[in-house]
Amino acid sequence: MKNFDKIVEDGLRMEPDFKLGLDFKDRVSKLIRSRERISQRKFYLLIVLGMVGIVGAGLGVVLYFADLQAFASLGQIVPLAVLVGALVAGIQYLDKKLVKDKMFKQLA
């Protein structure tokens, strides 16, 4: 096993026969940023779809069990459901930006 480690160390010390282009770093970072943006958009789309699903399911349950004459009371329920969904999304956003980013920076 010691021989293998020595071979790896010697291989890493040798300079490669090829040179990377000057814009290689820029192209790689641009590719990483574009993939990160795409995954972030998917994340936000799933958050929005989840909130719409939760609000829709809640309204479906309310309509199923409520009288149709009490339909005016839905005007009070919908803003509350939207507010709760926005609070949940806001908390998740703050958690991602404030807590997890700092945690990953400390680990690096």
Protein backbone atom coordinates (compact mmCIF):
# COMPACT_ATOMS: atom_id res chain seq x y z
CA MET A 1 0.00 0.00 0.00
CA LYS A 2 2.89 2.31 0.70
CA ASN A 3 4.19 1.79 -2.82
CA PHE A 4 0.81 2.82 -4.27
CA ASP A 5 0.79 6.06 -2.23
CA LYS A 6 4.29 6.87 -3.47
CA ILE A 7 3.26 6.31 -7.09
CA VAL A 8 0.24 8.60 -6.66
CA GLU A 9 2.32 11.32 -4.98
CA ASP A 10 4.96 11.16 -7.71
CA GLY A 11 2.28 11.34 -10.38
CA LEU A 12 0.71 14.39 -8.78
CA ARG A 13 4.06 16.17 -8.54
CA MET A 14 4.72 15.78 -12.26
CA GLU A 15 3.50 18.57 -14.48
CA PRO A 16 1.02 17.46 -17.18
CA ASP A 17 1.98 17.41 -20.85
CA PHE A 18 -0.91 19.65 -21.84
CA LYS A 19 -1.93 23.18 -20.98
CA LEU A 20 -5.47 24.38 -20.36
CA GLY A 21 -6.77 27.38 -22.28
CA LEU A 22 -6.84 30.79 -20.66
CA ASP A 23 -10.64 30.84 -20.62
CA PHE A 24 -11.00 27.34 -19.15
CA LYS A 25 -11.73 28.60 -15.63
CA ASP A 26 -14.30 31.08 -16.95
CA ARG A 27 -16.09 28.43 -19.00
CA VAL A 28 -16.24 25.99 -16.11
CA SER A 29 -17.53 28.60 -13.65
CA LYS A 30 -20.12 29.77 -16.21
CA LEU A 31 -21.30 26.19 -16.67
CA ILE A 32 -21.55 25.66 -12.91
CA ARG A 33 -23.49 28.91 -12.44
CA SER A 34 -25.94 28.06 -15.21
CA ARG A 35 -26.60 24.62 -13.74
CA GLU A 36 -27.04 26.17 -10.30
CA ARG A 37 -29.56 28.68 -11.67
CA ILE A 38 -31.52 25.89 -13.36
CA SER A 39 -31.66 23.85 -10.15
CA GLN A 40 -32.68 26.94 -8.18
CA ARG A 41 -35.51 27.65 -10.63
CA LYS A 42 -36.71 24.06 -10.30
CA PHE A 43 -36.61 24.44 -6.51
CA TYR A 44 -38.71 27.61 -6.57
CA LEU A 45 -41.13 26.05 -9.06
CA LEU A 46 -41.61 23.09 -6.73
CA ILE A 47 -42.15 25.46 -3.78
CA VAL A 48 -44.83 27.34 -5.72
CA LEU A 49 -46.49 24.13 -6.89
CA GLY A 50 -46.44 22.82 -3.32
CA MET A 51 -48.06 26.01 -2.00
CA VAL A 52 -50.71 25.91 -4.72
CA GLY A 53 -51.34 22.24 -3.92
CA ILE A 54 -51.67 22.94 -0.21
CA VAL A 55 -54.03 25.86 -0.79
CA GLY A 56 -56.03 23.83 -3.32
CA ALA A 57 -56.32 20.85 -1.00
CA GLY A 58 -57.35 23.09 1.88
CA LEU A 59 -59.99 24.81 -0.22
CA GLY A 60 -61.20 21.44 -1.47
CA VAL A 61 -61.65 20.18 2.07
CA VAL A 62 -63.40 23.38 3.12
CA LEU A 63 -65.75 23.27 0.11
CA TYR A 64 -66.48 19.60 0.70
CA PHE A 65 -67.46 20.05 4.33
CA ALA A 66 -68.90 23.59 4.21
CA ASP A 67 -72.31 24.70 3.14
CA LEU A 68 -72.49 26.28 -0.25
CA GLN A 69 -74.34 29.21 1.33
CA ALA A 70 -71.28 29.81 3.56
CA PHE A 71 -69.22 30.44 0.42
CA ALA A 72 -68.64 34.06 1.52
CA SER A 73 -66.52 32.81 4.42
CA LEU A 74 -63.98 31.54 1.88
CA GLY A 75 -63.00 35.15 1.29
CA GLN A 76 -61.55 35.10 4.79
CA ILE A 77 -59.83 31.71 4.46
CA VAL A 78 -57.99 32.26 1.16
CA PRO A 79 -55.87 35.26 2.25
CA LEU A 80 -54.92 33.41 5.44
CA ALA A 81 -53.86 30.34 3.45
CA VAL A 82 -51.82 32.49 1.05
CA LEU A 83 -50.19 34.30 3.98
CA VAL A 84 -49.23 31.01 5.66
CA GLY A 85 -47.80 29.70 2.37
CA ALA A 86 -45.78 32.89 1.87
CA LEU A 87 -44.46 32.65 5.44
CA VAL A 88 -43.37 29.06 4.88
CA ALA A 89 -41.63 29.98 1.63
CA GLY A 90 -39.96 32.97 3.30
CA ILE A 91 -38.68 30.84 6.16
CA GLN A 92 -37.29 28.28 3.74
CA TYR A 93 -35.58 31.01 1.70
CA LEU A 94 -34.03 32.59 4.79
CA ASP A 95 -32.92 29.18 6.02
CA LYS A 96 -31.21 28.50 2.71
CA LYS A 97 -29.54 31.90 2.45
CA LEU A 98 -28.58 32.58 6.06
CA VAL A 99 -28.14 29.28 7.85
CA LYS A 100 -27.01 26.73 5.27
CA ASP A 101 -24.64 29.04 3.36
CA LYS A 102 -22.87 30.02 6.59
CA MET A 103 -22.71 26.40 7.66
CA PHE A 104 -21.13 25.33 4.34
CA LYS A 105 -18.62 28.21 4.51
CA GLN A 106 -17.55 27.08 7.99
CA LEU A 107 -17.07 23.52 6.79
CA ALA A 108 -14.93 24.56 3.82
